[in-house]
Amino acid sequence: MLEHIKNYFKMEYEKNSQTIIIEGPVSEETLNTYTFDEHLNAFRRPNDQFEALKEIASLEEGRIIVARVDNNIIGYVTFHRPDEFERWSEGNHPFILELGAVEVSDSYRNLRIGQNMLKLSMMDEYMENYIVLTTEYYWHWDLKGTGLDVYDYKQLMINLMAVVGFEVYMTNDPEITSHPANTLMARVGKHITTEQQLIFDEIRFKHRYFF
């Protein structure tokens, strides 16, 4: 049984005369001492998203990585158990974790913040005990803000996730197969067993013999 150990890491670097701090996993108590950038609104209103981050941070398996300038959060990555309504939660396997969201404020794009948050999140050796999956849906992407079409954005996300070892995986999940730009990616930790890998494969192709 996994203990969901969380080891804290931190990095700092200078960009545009500002010190950008990447850190995590951070606790709910730490998040309460920070503010949340008003441009972090890709998934819901900023205040609501900030509350969602605090809730995830309070979970035993939840992990929040943040980027901040001073005490103002300008980016974040979330890790949590798959949603109970998604197939990835089937069997309630503790070794399956979902990378739920990566978001960076519009004012701080193109500064490698997303990439650095992902790199820091995988500095923890304990992450090697997980299969971390991420479901990329085109309707969550900032196509208007970036000027990219869905396939260019898909490649952008694949390249970003590949930096920390995520690979594209096939699946018959209806939400993924509903559009060719949607993508399932996963990072299989070094300590994942063959049995655990087979369980993940079975979930990916649930009901495959009934088509």
N, C-alpha and C. Protein backbone atom coordinates (compact mmCIF):
# COMPACT_ATOMS: atom_id res chain seq x y z
N MET A 1 0.85 -1.20 0.00
CA MET A 1 0.00 0.00 0.00
C MET A 1 0.88 1.25 0.00
N LEU A 2 0.64 2.14 -0.94
CA LEU A 2 1.44 3.36 -1.04
C LEU A 2 1.12 4.31 0.11
N GLU A 3 2.16 4.98 0.59
CA GLU A 3 1.99 5.95 1.67
C GLU A 3 1.79 7.37 1.15
N HIS A 4 1.97 7.56 -0.16
CA HIS A 4 1.83 8.88 -0.78
C HIS A 4 2.75 9.91 -0.11
N ILE A 5 4.01 9.57 -0.03
CA ILE A 5 5.02 10.46 0.57
C ILE A 5 5.25 11.65 -0.36
N LYS A 6 5.32 12.84 0.21
CA LYS A 6 5.56 14.06 -0.57
C LYS A 6 6.85 14.72 -0.10
N ASN A 7 7.81 14.83 -0.98
CA ASN A 7 9.08 15.49 -0.68
C ASN A 7 9.11 16.85 -1.38
N TYR A 8 9.39 17.89 -0.62
CA TYR A 8 9.34 19.27 -1.11
C TYR A 8 10.62 19.64 -1.87
N PHE A 9 10.44 20.34 -3.00
CA PHE A 9 11.57 20.86 -3.78
C PHE A 9 11.29 22.31 -4.16
N LYS A 10 12.37 23.03 -4.44
CA LYS A 10 12.24 24.45 -4.78
C LYS A 10 13.36 24.86 -5.74
N MET A 11 13.02 25.71 -6.72
CA MET A 11 14.04 26.29 -7.61
C MET A 11 13.71 27.76 -7.82
N GLU A 12 14.73 28.55 -8.07
CA GLU A 12 14.54 29.97 -8.35
C GLU A 12 15.38 30.36 -9.56
N TYR A 13 14.85 31.27 -10.38
CA TYR A 13 15.63 31.80 -11.49
C TYR A 13 15.10 33.17 -11.88
N GLU A 14 15.95 33.93 -12.54
CA GLU A 14 15.62 35.30 -12.91
C GLU A 14 15.13 35.37 -14.36
N LYS A 15 14.02 36.05 -14.58
CA LYS A 15 13.50 36.30 -15.92
C LYS A 15 12.87 37.68 -15.93
N ASN A 16 13.24 38.49 -16.92
CA ASN A 16 12.66 39.83 -17.07
C ASN A 16 12.73 40.63 -15.76
N SER A 17 13.89 40.54 -15.10
CA SER A 17 14.17 41.27 -13.86
C SER A 17 13.26 40.85 -12.71
N GLN A 18 12.67 39.67 -12.81
CA GLN A 18 11.83 39.13 -11.73
C GLN A 18 12.37 37.77 -11.29
N THR A 19 12.24 37.50 -10.01
CA THR A 19 12.62 36.19 -9.50
C THR A 19 11.41 35.28 -9.52
N ILE A 20 11.52 34.22 -10.32
CA ILE A 20 10.44 33.24 -10.41
C ILE A 20 10.79 32.07 -9.51
N ILE A 21 9.89 31.74 -8.63
CA ILE A 21 10.09 30.63 -7.69
C ILE A 21 9.16 29.49 -8.08
N ILE A 22 9.73 28.30 -8.26
CA ILE A 22 8.95 27.09 -8.51
C ILE A 22 9.11 26.22 -7.27
N GLU A 23 8.01 25.73 -6.73
CA GLU A 23 8.11 24.92 -5.51
C GLU A 23 6.95 23.94 -5.39
N GLY A 24 7.19 22.91 -4.57
CA GLY A 24 6.12 21.98 -4.28
C GLY A 24 6.64 20.59 -3.96
N PRO A 25 5.74 19.70 -3.58
CA PRO A 25 4.32 19.98 -3.36
C PRO A 25 4.11 20.92 -2.17
N VAL A 26 3.17 21.85 -2.32
CA VAL A 26 2.88 22.80 -1.26
C VAL A 26 1.59 22.39 -0.54
N SER A 27 1.51 22.74 0.72
CA SER A 27 0.36 22.37 1.54
C SER A 27 -0.76 23.40 1.40
N GLU A 28 -1.93 23.02 1.88
CA GLU A 28 -3.05 23.96 1.91
C GLU A 28 -2.71 25.17 2.78
N GLU A 29 -2.00 24.93 3.88
CA GLU A 29 -1.62 26.02 4.77
C GLU A 29 -0.70 27.02 4.06
N THR A 30 0.23 26.51 3.28
CA THR A 30 1.13 27.39 2.52
C THR A 30 0.36 28.17 1.48
N LEU A 31 -0.55 27.50 0.77
CA LEU A 31 -1.35 28.18 -0.25
C LEU A 31 -2.15 29.33 0.35
N ASN A 32 -2.58 29.18 1.59
CA ASN A 32 -3.37 30.23 2.24
C ASN A 32 -2.56 31.50 2.49
N THR A 33 -1.24 31.42 2.39
CA THR A 33 -0.39 32.60 2.58
C THR A 33 -0.09 33.29 1.26
N TYR A 34 -0.56 32.73 0.15
CA TYR A 34 -0.29 33.28 -1.18
C TYR A 34 -1.53 33.92 -1.79
N THR A 35 -1.32 34.71 -2.84
CA THR A 35 -2.41 35.22 -3.66
C THR A 35 -2.39 34.47 -4.99
N PHE A 36 -3.44 34.65 -5.79
CA PHE A 36 -3.62 33.87 -7.01
C PHE A 36 -3.85 34.82 -8.17
N ASP A 37 -3.03 34.71 -9.20
CA ASP A 37 -3.09 35.64 -10.32
C ASP A 37 -4.46 35.61 -11.01
N GLU A 38 -4.99 36.78 -11.29
CA GLU A 38 -6.34 36.89 -11.86
C GLU A 38 -6.44 36.35 -13.29
N HIS A 39 -5.29 36.14 -13.95
CA HIS A 39 -5.31 35.61 -15.32
C HIS A 39 -5.27 34.09 -15.36
N LEU A 40 -5.25 33.44 -14.22
CA LEU A 40 -5.31 31.97 -14.18
C LEU A 40 -6.79 31.56 -14.20
N ASN A 41 -7.37 31.58 -15.39
CA ASN A 41 -8.81 31.39 -15.53
C ASN A 41 -9.18 30.40 -16.63
N ALA A 42 -8.25 29.51 -16.99
CA ALA A 42 -8.50 28.59 -18.10
C ALA A 42 -9.58 27.56 -17.78
N PHE A 43 -9.70 27.19 -16.52
CA PHE A 43 -10.61 26.10 -16.15
C PHE A 43 -11.85 26.59 -15.40
N ARG A 44 -11.69 27.62 -14.61
CA ARG A 44 -12.82 28.21 -13.88
C ARG A 44 -12.39 29.58 -13.39
N ARG A 45 -13.25 30.29 -12.72
CA ARG A 45 -12.89 31.62 -12.22
C ARG A 45 -11.71 31.48 -11.25
N PRO A 46 -10.80 32.48 -11.26
CA PRO A 46 -9.58 32.37 -10.45
C PRO A 46 -9.82 32.01 -8.99
N ASN A 47 -10.78 32.66 -8.34
CA ASN A 47 -11.05 32.37 -6.92
C ASN A 47 -11.47 30.92 -6.73
N ASP A 48 -12.31 30.42 -7.64
CA ASP A 48 -12.78 29.04 -7.55
C ASP A 48 -11.63 28.06 -7.81
N GLN A 49 -10.77 28.41 -8.76
CA GLN A 49 -9.63 27.54 -9.07
C GLN A 49 -8.66 27.49 -7.89
N PHE A 50 -8.45 28.62 -7.24
CA PHE A 50 -7.56 28.66 -6.08
C PHE A 50 -8.10 27.76 -4.96
N GLU A 51 -9.41 27.81 -4.76
CA GLU A 51 -10.02 26.94 -3.74
C GLU A 51 -9.86 25.47 -4.12
N ALA A 52 -9.96 25.18 -5.42
CA ALA A 52 -9.77 23.80 -5.89
C ALA A 52 -8.35 23.32 -5.61
N LEU A 53 -7.36 24.20 -5.80
CA LEU A 53 -5.97 23.84 -5.52
C LEU A 53 -5.78 23.52 -4.04
N LYS A 54 -6.40 24.32 -3.18
CA LYS A 54 -6.28 24.09 -1.75
C LYS A 54 -6.89 22.75 -1.36
N GLU A 55 -8.01 22.43 -1.99
CA GLU A 55 -8.67 21.15 -1.70
C GLU A 55 -7.78 19.98 -2.12
N ILE A 56 -7.17 20.07 -3.31
CA ILE A 56 -6.28 19.01 -3.78
C ILE A 56 -5.07 18.87 -2.85
N ALA A 57 -4.51 20.01 -2.43
CA ALA A 57 -3.34 20.00 -1.55
C ALA A 57 -3.62 19.31 -0.23
N SER A 58 -4.88 19.34 0.21
CA SER A 58 -5.24 18.74 1.49
C SER A 58 -5.41 17.23 1.41
N LEU A 59 -5.49 16.69 0.19
CA LEU A 59 -5.67 15.25 0.02
C LEU A 59 -4.37 14.51 0.27
N GLU A 60 -4.48 13.29 0.78
CA GLU A 60 -3.29 12.49 1.08
C GLU A 60 -2.41 12.31 -0.14
N GLU A 61 -3.04 12.06 -1.30
CA GLU A 61 -2.28 11.80 -2.52
C GLU A 61 -2.15 13.05 -3.40
N GLY A 62 -2.81 14.16 -3.03
CA GLY A 62 -2.81 15.35 -3.86
C GLY A 62 -1.47 16.08 -3.83
N ARG A 63 -1.08 16.62 -4.97
CA ARG A 63 0.18 17.36 -5.09
C ARG A 63 -0.07 18.64 -5.89
N ILE A 64 0.36 19.75 -5.35
CA ILE A 64 0.27 21.04 -6.04
C ILE A 64 1.67 21.61 -6.18
N ILE A 65 2.07 21.85 -7.41
CA ILE A 65 3.33 22.55 -7.70
C ILE A 65 2.96 23.95 -8.17
N VAL A 66 3.60 24.97 -7.63
CA VAL A 66 3.27 26.33 -8.04
C VAL A 66 4.50 27.08 -8.54
N ALA A 67 4.23 28.06 -9.38
CA ALA A 67 5.22 29.06 -9.77
C ALA A 67 4.71 30.37 -9.20
N ARG A 68 5.61 31.16 -8.62
CA ARG A 68 5.16 32.43 -8.04
C ARG A 68 6.22 33.51 -8.21
N VAL A 69 5.75 34.74 -8.19
CA VAL A 69 6.60 35.93 -8.10
C VAL A 69 6.21 36.60 -6.80
N ASP A 70 7.19 36.73 -5.90
CA ASP A 70 6.89 37.11 -4.51
C ASP A 70 5.90 36.07 -3.97
N ASN A 71 4.74 36.50 -3.48
CA ASN A 71 3.75 35.55 -2.95
C ASN A 71 2.55 35.37 -3.87
N ASN A 72 2.69 35.82 -5.12
CA ASN A 72 1.58 35.72 -6.07
C ASN A 72 1.78 34.54 -7.01
N ILE A 73 0.86 33.58 -6.96
CA ILE A 73 0.95 32.39 -7.81
C ILE A 73 0.64 32.76 -9.25
N ILE A 74 1.57 32.42 -10.16
CA ILE A 74 1.40 32.74 -11.58
C ILE A 74 1.30 31.49 -12.44
N GLY A 75 1.40 30.32 -11.80
CA GLY A 75 1.26 29.07 -12.54
C GLY A 75 1.16 27.91 -11.56
N TYR A 76 0.63 26.80 -12.04
CA TYR A 76 0.49 25.65 -11.16
C TYR A 76 0.37 24.37 -11.97
N VAL A 77 0.68 23.26 -11.33
CA VAL A 77 0.43 21.91 -11.85
C VAL A 77 -0.27 21.14 -10.75
N THR A 78 -1.30 20.38 -11.10
CA THR A 78 -2.02 19.58 -10.11
C THR A 78 -1.85 18.09 -10.37
N PHE A 79 -1.72 17.33 -9.30
CA PHE A 79 -1.71 15.87 -9.37
C PHE A 79 -2.72 15.35 -8.34
N HIS A 80 -3.53 14.40 -8.75
CA HIS A 80 -4.54 13.85 -7.84
C HIS A 80 -5.01 12.51 -8.38
N ARG A 81 -5.81 11.82 -7.59
CA ARG A 81 -6.41 10.58 -8.07
C ARG A 81 -7.36 10.90 -9.21
N PRO A 82 -7.51 10.00 -10.19
CA PRO A 82 -8.47 10.24 -11.27
C PRO A 82 -9.87 10.43 -10.74
N ASP A 83 -10.65 11.26 -11.41
CA ASP A 83 -12.03 11.51 -11.03
C ASP A 83 -12.82 10.20 -10.98
N GLU A 84 -13.66 10.08 -9.98
CA GLU A 84 -14.41 8.83 -9.79
C GLU A 84 -15.33 8.51 -10.95
N PHE A 85 -15.67 9.50 -11.78
CA PHE A 85 -16.55 9.27 -12.91
C PHE A 85 -15.79 8.91 -14.18
N GLU A 86 -14.46 8.89 -14.13
CA GLU A 86 -13.64 8.52 -15.27
C GLU A 86 -13.19 7.07 -15.16
N ARG A 87 -12.94 6.44 -16.29
CA ARG A 87 -12.53 5.04 -16.28
C ARG A 87 -11.20 4.82 -15.56
N TRP A 88 -10.37 5.86 -15.50
CA TRP A 88 -9.03 5.71 -14.92
C TRP A 88 -9.06 5.45 -13.42
N SER A 89 -10.21 5.70 -12.80
CA SER A 89 -10.36 5.44 -11.37
C SER A 89 -10.82 4.01 -11.09
N GLU A 90 -11.13 3.27 -12.14
CA GLU A 90 -11.66 1.91 -11.97
C GLU A 90 -10.68 1.04 -11.18
N GLY A 91 -11.17 0.41 -10.14
CA GLY A 91 -10.33 -0.43 -9.30
C GLY A 91 -9.67 0.34 -8.17
N ASN A 92 -9.77 1.68 -8.23
CA ASN A 92 -9.23 2.53 -7.16
C ASN A 92 -7.77 2.20 -6.85
N HIS A 93 -6.96 2.10 -7.92
CA HIS A 93 -5.57 1.69 -7.76
C HIS A 93 -4.71 2.86 -7.25
N PRO A 94 -4.03 2.71 -6.12
CA PRO A 94 -3.26 3.82 -5.55
C PRO A 94 -2.03 4.22 -6.37
N PHE A 95 -1.60 3.35 -7.29
CA PHE A 95 -0.41 3.65 -8.08
C PHE A 95 -0.75 4.45 -9.35
N ILE A 96 -2.03 4.72 -9.59
CA ILE A 96 -2.43 5.54 -10.74
C ILE A 96 -2.75 6.94 -10.27
N LEU A 97 -2.02 7.90 -10.78
CA LEU A 97 -2.18 9.31 -10.42
C LEU A 97 -2.44 10.09 -11.70
N GLU A 98 -3.22 11.14 -11.61
CA GLU A 98 -3.52 11.95 -12.79
C GLU A 98 -2.90 13.33 -12.66
N LEU A 99 -2.23 13.76 -13.72
CA LEU A 99 -1.81 15.15 -13.84
C LEU A 99 -3.04 15.88 -14.37
N GLY A 100 -3.69 16.64 -13.49
CA GLY A 100 -4.98 17.20 -13.84
C GLY A 100 -4.92 18.47 -14.66
N ALA A 101 -3.96 19.34 -14.38
CA ALA A 101 -3.92 20.63 -15.06
C ALA A 101 -2.52 21.24 -15.00
N VAL A 102 -2.17 21.93 -16.07
CA VAL A 102 -0.98 22.79 -16.11
C VAL A 102 -1.46 24.14 -16.63
N GLU A 103 -1.24 25.18 -15.86
CA GLU A 103 -1.66 26.51 -16.31
C GLU A 103 -0.63 27.55 -15.90
N VAL A 104 -0.38 28.48 -16.82
CA VAL A 104 0.52 29.60 -16.56
C VAL A 104 -0.21 30.89 -16.96
N SER A 105 -0.11 31.90 -16.13
CA SER A 105 -0.76 33.18 -16.41
C SER A 105 -0.29 33.76 -17.75
N ASP A 106 -1.21 34.38 -18.48
CA ASP A 106 -0.90 34.96 -19.79
C ASP A 106 0.32 35.88 -19.74
N SER A 107 0.47 36.60 -18.67
CA SER A 107 1.55 37.59 -18.55
C SER A 107 2.92 36.95 -18.41
N TYR A 108 2.96 35.64 -18.18
CA TYR A 108 4.24 34.97 -17.92
C TYR A 108 4.48 33.80 -18.87
N ARG A 109 3.84 33.85 -20.05
CA ARG A 109 4.04 32.79 -21.03
C ARG A 109 5.44 32.89 -21.64
N ASN A 110 5.89 31.78 -22.23
CA ASN A 110 7.16 31.71 -22.95
C ASN A 110 8.38 31.94 -22.06
N LEU A 111 8.26 31.62 -20.78
CA LEU A 111 9.38 31.75 -19.85
C LEU A 111 9.78 30.37 -19.29
N ARG A 112 9.34 29.32 -19.94
CA ARG A 112 9.62 27.93 -19.55
C ARG A 112 9.08 27.58 -18.16
N ILE A 113 8.06 28.31 -17.73
CA ILE A 113 7.50 28.06 -16.41
C ILE A 113 6.80 26.70 -16.35
N GLY A 114 5.98 26.41 -17.37
CA GLY A 114 5.31 25.11 -17.39
C GLY A 114 6.29 23.96 -17.38
N GLN A 115 7.31 24.07 -18.21
CA GLN A 115 8.34 23.04 -18.28
C GLN A 115 9.07 22.87 -16.95
N ASN A 116 9.40 23.99 -16.32
CA ASN A 116 10.12 23.92 -15.04
C ASN A 116 9.25 23.38 -13.91
N MET A 117 7.96 23.68 -13.93
CA MET A 117 7.07 23.11 -12.91
C MET A 117 7.00 21.60 -13.07
N LEU A 118 6.93 21.12 -14.31
CA LEU A 118 6.89 19.68 -14.55
C LEU A 118 8.20 19.02 -14.12
N LYS A 119 9.32 19.65 -14.45
CA LYS A 119 10.62 19.10 -14.06
C LYS A 119 10.73 19.00 -12.54
N LEU A 120 10.31 20.04 -11.84
CA LEU A 120 10.39 20.01 -10.39
C LEU A 120 9.47 18.93 -9.80
N SER A 121 8.31 18.75 -10.41
CA SER A 121 7.36 17.77 -9.88
C SER A 121 7.93 16.36 -9.93
N MET A 122 8.83 16.10 -10.87
CA MET A 122 9.41 14.76 -11.02
C MET A 122 10.76 14.62 -10.34
N MET A 123 11.20 15.65 -9.61
CA MET A 123 12.43 15.53 -8.84
C MET A 123 12.26 14.57 -7.65
N ASP A 124 11.02 14.41 -7.23
CA ASP A 124 10.74 13.54 -6.10
C ASP A 124 10.83 12.08 -6.54
N GLU A 125 11.76 11.34 -5.99
CA GLU A 125 11.94 9.93 -6.34
C GLU A 125 10.66 9.13 -6.09
N TYR A 126 9.82 9.59 -5.18
CA TYR A 126 8.60 8.84 -4.88
C TYR A 126 7.64 8.80 -6.07
N MET A 127 7.78 9.75 -7.01
CA MET A 127 6.94 9.74 -8.20
C MET A 127 7.19 8.51 -9.07
N GLU A 128 8.31 7.82 -8.85
CA GLU A 128 8.61 6.61 -9.61
C GLU A 128 7.73 5.44 -9.21
N ASN A 129 6.93 5.62 -8.16
CA ASN A 129 5.99 4.58 -7.73
C ASN A 129 4.63 4.71 -8.42
N TYR A 130 4.49 5.67 -9.31
CA TYR A 130 3.20 5.93 -9.95
C TYR A 130 3.25 5.76 -11.47
N ILE A 131 2.10 5.36 -12.01
CA ILE A 131 1.80 5.63 -13.41
C ILE A 131 1.02 6.94 -13.39
N VAL A 132 1.61 7.98 -13.93
CA VAL A 132 0.95 9.29 -13.97
C VAL A 132 0.37 9.48 -15.36
N LEU A 133 -0.92 9.67 -15.43
CA LEU A 133 -1.55 9.87 -16.74
C LEU A 133 -2.05 11.30 -16.86
N THR A 134 -2.20 11.73 -18.09
CA THR A 134 -2.81 13.02 -18.36
C THR A 134 -3.66 12.90 -19.60
N THR A 135 -4.88 13.41 -19.53
CA THR A 135 -5.80 13.39 -20.67
C THR A 135 -5.85 14.79 -21.25
N GLU A 136 -5.42 14.91 -22.49
CA GLU A 136 -5.39 16.21 -23.15
C GLU A 136 -6.58 16.34 -24.08
N TYR A 137 -7.49 17.27 -23.75
CA TYR A 137 -8.69 17.51 -24.55
C TYR A 137 -8.60 18.88 -25.21
N TYR A 138 -8.87 18.93 -26.50
CA TYR A 138 -8.67 20.18 -27.24
C TYR A 138 -9.55 21.30 -26.72
N TRP A 139 -10.69 20.99 -26.11
CA TRP A 139 -11.59 22.06 -25.64
C TRP A 139 -11.06 22.77 -24.40
N HIS A 140 -9.97 22.28 -23.81
CA HIS A 140 -9.34 22.97 -22.69
C HIS A 140 -8.20 23.89 -23.15
N TRP A 141 -7.85 23.81 -24.42
CA TRP A 141 -6.65 24.51 -24.89
C TRP A 141 -6.94 25.97 -25.25
N ASP A 142 -5.93 26.81 -25.04
CA ASP A 142 -6.04 28.23 -25.34
C ASP A 142 -5.66 28.47 -26.81
N LEU A 143 -6.52 28.03 -27.70
CA LEU A 143 -6.24 28.15 -29.14
C LEU A 143 -6.26 29.62 -29.58
N LYS A 144 -7.20 30.38 -29.02
CA LYS A 144 -7.31 31.79 -29.38
C LYS A 144 -6.09 32.58 -28.93
N GLY A 145 -5.67 32.34 -27.68
CA GLY A 145 -4.55 33.09 -27.13
C GLY A 145 -3.22 32.78 -27.80
N THR A 146 -3.06 31.52 -28.24
CA THR A 146 -1.79 31.12 -28.84
C THR A 146 -1.78 31.26 -30.35
N GLY A 147 -2.96 31.27 -30.96
CA GLY A 147 -3.04 31.34 -32.42
C GLY A 147 -2.74 30.02 -33.10
N LEU A 148 -2.65 28.94 -32.32
CA LEU A 148 -2.35 27.62 -32.88
C LEU A 148 -3.64 26.89 -33.23
N ASP A 149 -3.56 25.99 -34.23
CA ASP A 149 -4.70 25.12 -34.47
C ASP A 149 -4.61 23.92 -33.54
N VAL A 150 -5.62 23.07 -33.53
CA VAL A 150 -5.66 21.99 -32.55
C VAL A 150 -4.50 21.02 -32.69
N TYR A 151 -4.03 20.80 -33.92
CA TYR A 151 -2.97 19.80 -34.12
C TYR A 151 -1.60 20.35 -33.73
N ASP A 152 -1.40 21.65 -33.97
CA ASP A 152 -0.16 22.28 -33.50
C ASP A 152 -0.14 22.33 -31.98
N TYR A 153 -1.30 22.61 -31.38
CA TYR A 153 -1.37 22.66 -29.92
C TYR A 153 -1.17 21.26 -29.34
N LYS A 154 -1.73 20.27 -30.00
CA LYS A 154 -1.53 18.88 -29.56
C LYS A 154 -0.04 18.55 -29.52
N GLN A 155 0.67 18.94 -30.57
CA GLN A 155 2.11 18.66 -30.62
C GLN A 155 2.86 19.45 -29.54
N LEU A 156 2.40 20.68 -29.29
CA LEU A 156 2.98 21.49 -28.22
C LEU A 156 2.87 20.76 -26.88
N MET A 157 1.70 20.21 -26.58
CA MET A 157 1.48 19.50 -25.32
C MET A 157 2.29 18.21 -25.26
N ILE A 158 2.37 17.50 -26.37
CA ILE A 158 3.17 16.27 -26.41
C ILE A 158 4.64 16.59 -26.13
N ASN A 159 5.15 17.65 -26.75
CA ASN A 159 6.55 18.05 -26.54
C ASN A 159 6.79 18.48 -25.10
N LEU A 160 5.83 19.22 -24.51
CA LEU A 160 5.97 19.68 -23.13
C LEU A 160 6.02 18.49 -22.18
N MET A 161 5.10 17.57 -22.31
CA MET A 161 5.03 16.43 -21.41
C MET A 161 6.21 15.47 -21.60
N ALA A 162 6.72 15.39 -22.82
CA ALA A 162 7.84 14.49 -23.10
C ALA A 162 9.11 14.89 -22.35
N VAL A 163 9.20 16.16 -21.96
CA VAL A 163 10.36 16.65 -21.23
C VAL A 163 10.59 15.86 -19.95
N VAL A 164 9.49 15.38 -19.33
CA VAL A 164 9.62 14.63 -18.08
C VAL A 164 9.20 13.17 -18.25
N GLY A 165 9.23 12.68 -19.48
CA GLY A 165 9.06 11.24 -19.70
C GLY A 165 7.67 10.75 -20.03
N PHE A 166 6.74 11.66 -20.29
CA PHE A 166 5.40 11.21 -20.70
C PHE A 166 5.44 10.74 -22.15
N GLU A 167 4.68 9.69 -22.44
CA GLU A 167 4.56 9.17 -23.80
C GLU A 167 3.08 9.06 -24.17
N VAL A 168 2.82 9.08 -25.47
CA VAL A 168 1.45 8.93 -25.96
C VAL A 168 1.05 7.45 -25.86
N TYR A 169 -0.16 7.20 -25.33
CA TYR A 169 -0.69 5.85 -25.22
C TYR A 169 -2.03 5.76 -25.94
N MET A 170 -2.25 4.65 -26.60
CA MET A 170 -3.53 4.41 -27.27
C MET A 170 -4.58 4.00 -26.23
N THR A 171 -5.84 4.28 -26.54
CA THR A 171 -6.95 3.91 -25.67
C THR A 171 -8.23 3.90 -26.50
N ASN A 172 -9.23 3.19 -26.00
CA ASN A 172 -10.56 3.26 -26.64
C ASN A 172 -11.52 4.11 -25.81
N ASP A 173 -10.99 4.91 -24.89
CA ASP A 173 -11.83 5.79 -24.09
C ASP A 173 -12.60 6.74 -25.01
N PRO A 174 -13.93 6.78 -24.90
CA PRO A 174 -14.74 7.58 -25.83
C PRO A 174 -14.39 9.06 -25.87
N GLU A 175 -14.02 9.64 -24.73
CA GLU A 175 -13.69 11.07 -24.73
C GLU A 175 -12.40 11.34 -25.50
N ILE A 176 -11.44 10.42 -25.40
CA ILE A 176 -10.20 10.58 -26.16
C ILE A 176 -10.46 10.36 -27.64
N THR A 177 -11.21 9.32 -27.98
CA THR A 177 -11.42 8.96 -29.39
C THR A 177 -12.44 9.86 -30.08
N SER A 178 -13.10 10.74 -29.32
CA SER A 178 -14.12 11.61 -29.92
C SER A 178 -13.54 12.65 -30.86
N HIS A 179 -12.23 12.92 -30.74
CA HIS A 179 -11.58 13.88 -31.64
C HIS A 179 -10.11 13.49 -31.79
N PRO A 180 -9.57 13.52 -33.00
CA PRO A 180 -8.18 13.07 -33.22
C PRO A 180 -7.11 13.92 -32.52
N ALA A 181 -7.48 15.12 -32.07
CA ALA A 181 -6.51 15.95 -31.35
C ALA A 181 -6.41 15.55 -29.88
N ASN A 182 -7.45 14.93 -29.35
CA ASN A 182 -7.41 14.50 -27.96
C ASN A 182 -6.38 13.40 -27.77
N THR A 183 -5.71 13.41 -26.63
CA THR A 183 -4.56 12.53 -26.44
C THR A 183 -4.49 12.02 -25.01
N LEU A 184 -4.15 10.74 -24.88
CA LEU A 184 -3.81 10.17 -23.58
C LEU A 184 -2.30 10.04 -23.52
N MET A 185 -1.70 10.59 -22.46
CA MET A 185 -0.26 10.43 -22.24
C MET A 185 -0.06 9.87 -20.84
N ALA A 186 1.04 9.19 -20.65
CA ALA A 186 1.34 8.64 -19.32
C ALA A 186 2.84 8.54 -19.12
N ARG A 187 3.21 8.63 -17.86
CA ARG A 187 4.61 8.43 -17.45
C ARG A 187 4.63 7.25 -16.50
N VAL A 188 5.32 6.19 -16.88
CA VAL A 188 5.38 4.98 -16.08
C VAL A 188 6.63 5.03 -15.21
N GLY A 189 6.43 5.08 -13.91
CA GLY A 189 7.55 5.18 -12.98
C GLY A 189 8.45 3.96 -13.00
N LYS A 190 9.68 4.14 -12.59
CA LYS A 190 10.69 3.07 -12.63
C LYS A 190 10.32 1.89 -11.73
N HIS A 191 9.52 2.13 -10.69
CA HIS A 191 9.20 1.07 -9.74
C HIS A 191 7.85 0.39 -10.04
N ILE A 192 7.25 0.73 -11.17
CA ILE A 192 5.99 0.10 -11.55
C ILE A 192 6.26 -1.34 -12.01
N THR A 193 5.47 -2.27 -11.49
CA THR A 193 5.65 -3.68 -11.81
C THR A 193 4.94 -4.05 -13.11
N THR A 194 5.27 -5.21 -13.64
CA THR A 194 4.60 -5.70 -14.85
C THR A 194 3.11 -5.86 -14.60
N GLU A 195 2.74 -6.35 -13.42
CA GLU A 195 1.34 -6.52 -13.08
C GLU A 195 0.60 -5.18 -13.09
N GLN A 196 1.23 -4.16 -12.52
CA GLN A 196 0.61 -2.83 -12.50
C GLN A 196 0.47 -2.27 -13.91
N GLN A 197 1.47 -2.50 -14.76
CA GLN A 197 1.40 -2.05 -16.15
C GLN A 197 0.25 -2.74 -16.88
N LEU A 198 0.06 -4.02 -16.63
CA LEU A 198 -1.02 -4.77 -17.27
C LEU A 198 -2.39 -4.26 -16.81
N ILE A 199 -2.49 -3.89 -15.54
CA ILE A 199 -3.75 -3.32 -15.04
C ILE A 199 -4.07 -2.03 -15.78
N PHE A 200 -3.06 -1.18 -15.96
CA PHE A 200 -3.26 0.07 -16.69
C PHE A 200 -3.66 -0.21 -18.14
N ASP A 201 -3.04 -1.21 -18.76
CA ASP A 201 -3.38 -1.56 -20.14
C ASP A 201 -4.83 -2.02 -20.25
N GLU A 202 -5.29 -2.78 -19.27
CA GLU A 202 -6.67 -3.26 -19.27
C GLU A 202 -7.65 -2.09 -19.14
N ILE A 203 -7.30 -1.11 -18.32
CA ILE A 203 -8.17 0.06 -18.16
C ILE A 203 -8.20 0.88 -19.45
N ARG A 204 -7.06 1.00 -20.10
CA ARG A 204 -6.99 1.77 -21.35
C ARG A 204 -7.90 1.19 -22.42
N PHE A 205 -8.01 -0.13 -22.45
CA PHE A 205 -8.82 -0.79 -23.48
C PHE A 205 -10.01 -1.53 -22.87
N LYS A 206 -10.65 -0.88 -21.94
CA LYS A 206 -11.83 -1.42 -21.28
C LYS A 206 -12.90 -1.82 -22.33
N HIS A 207 -13.47 -3.00 -22.14
CA HIS A 207 -14.53 -3.53 -23.02
C HIS A 207 -14.08 -3.70 -24.46
N ARG A 208 -12.81 -3.88 -24.69
CA ARG A 208 -12.32 -3.94 -26.08
C ARG A 208 -12.90 -5.12 -26.85
N TYR A 209 -13.30 -6.17 -26.14
CA TYR A 209 -13.80 -7.35 -26.84
C TYR A 209 -15.27 -7.24 -27.20
N PHE A 210 -15.90 -6.12 -26.84
CA PHE A 210 -17.32 -5.97 -27.10
C PHE A 210 -17.59 -5.07 -28.29
N PHE A 211 -16.53 -4.61 -28.97
CA PHE A 211 -16.74 -3.73 -30.13
C PHE A 211 -16.89 -4.56 -31.39
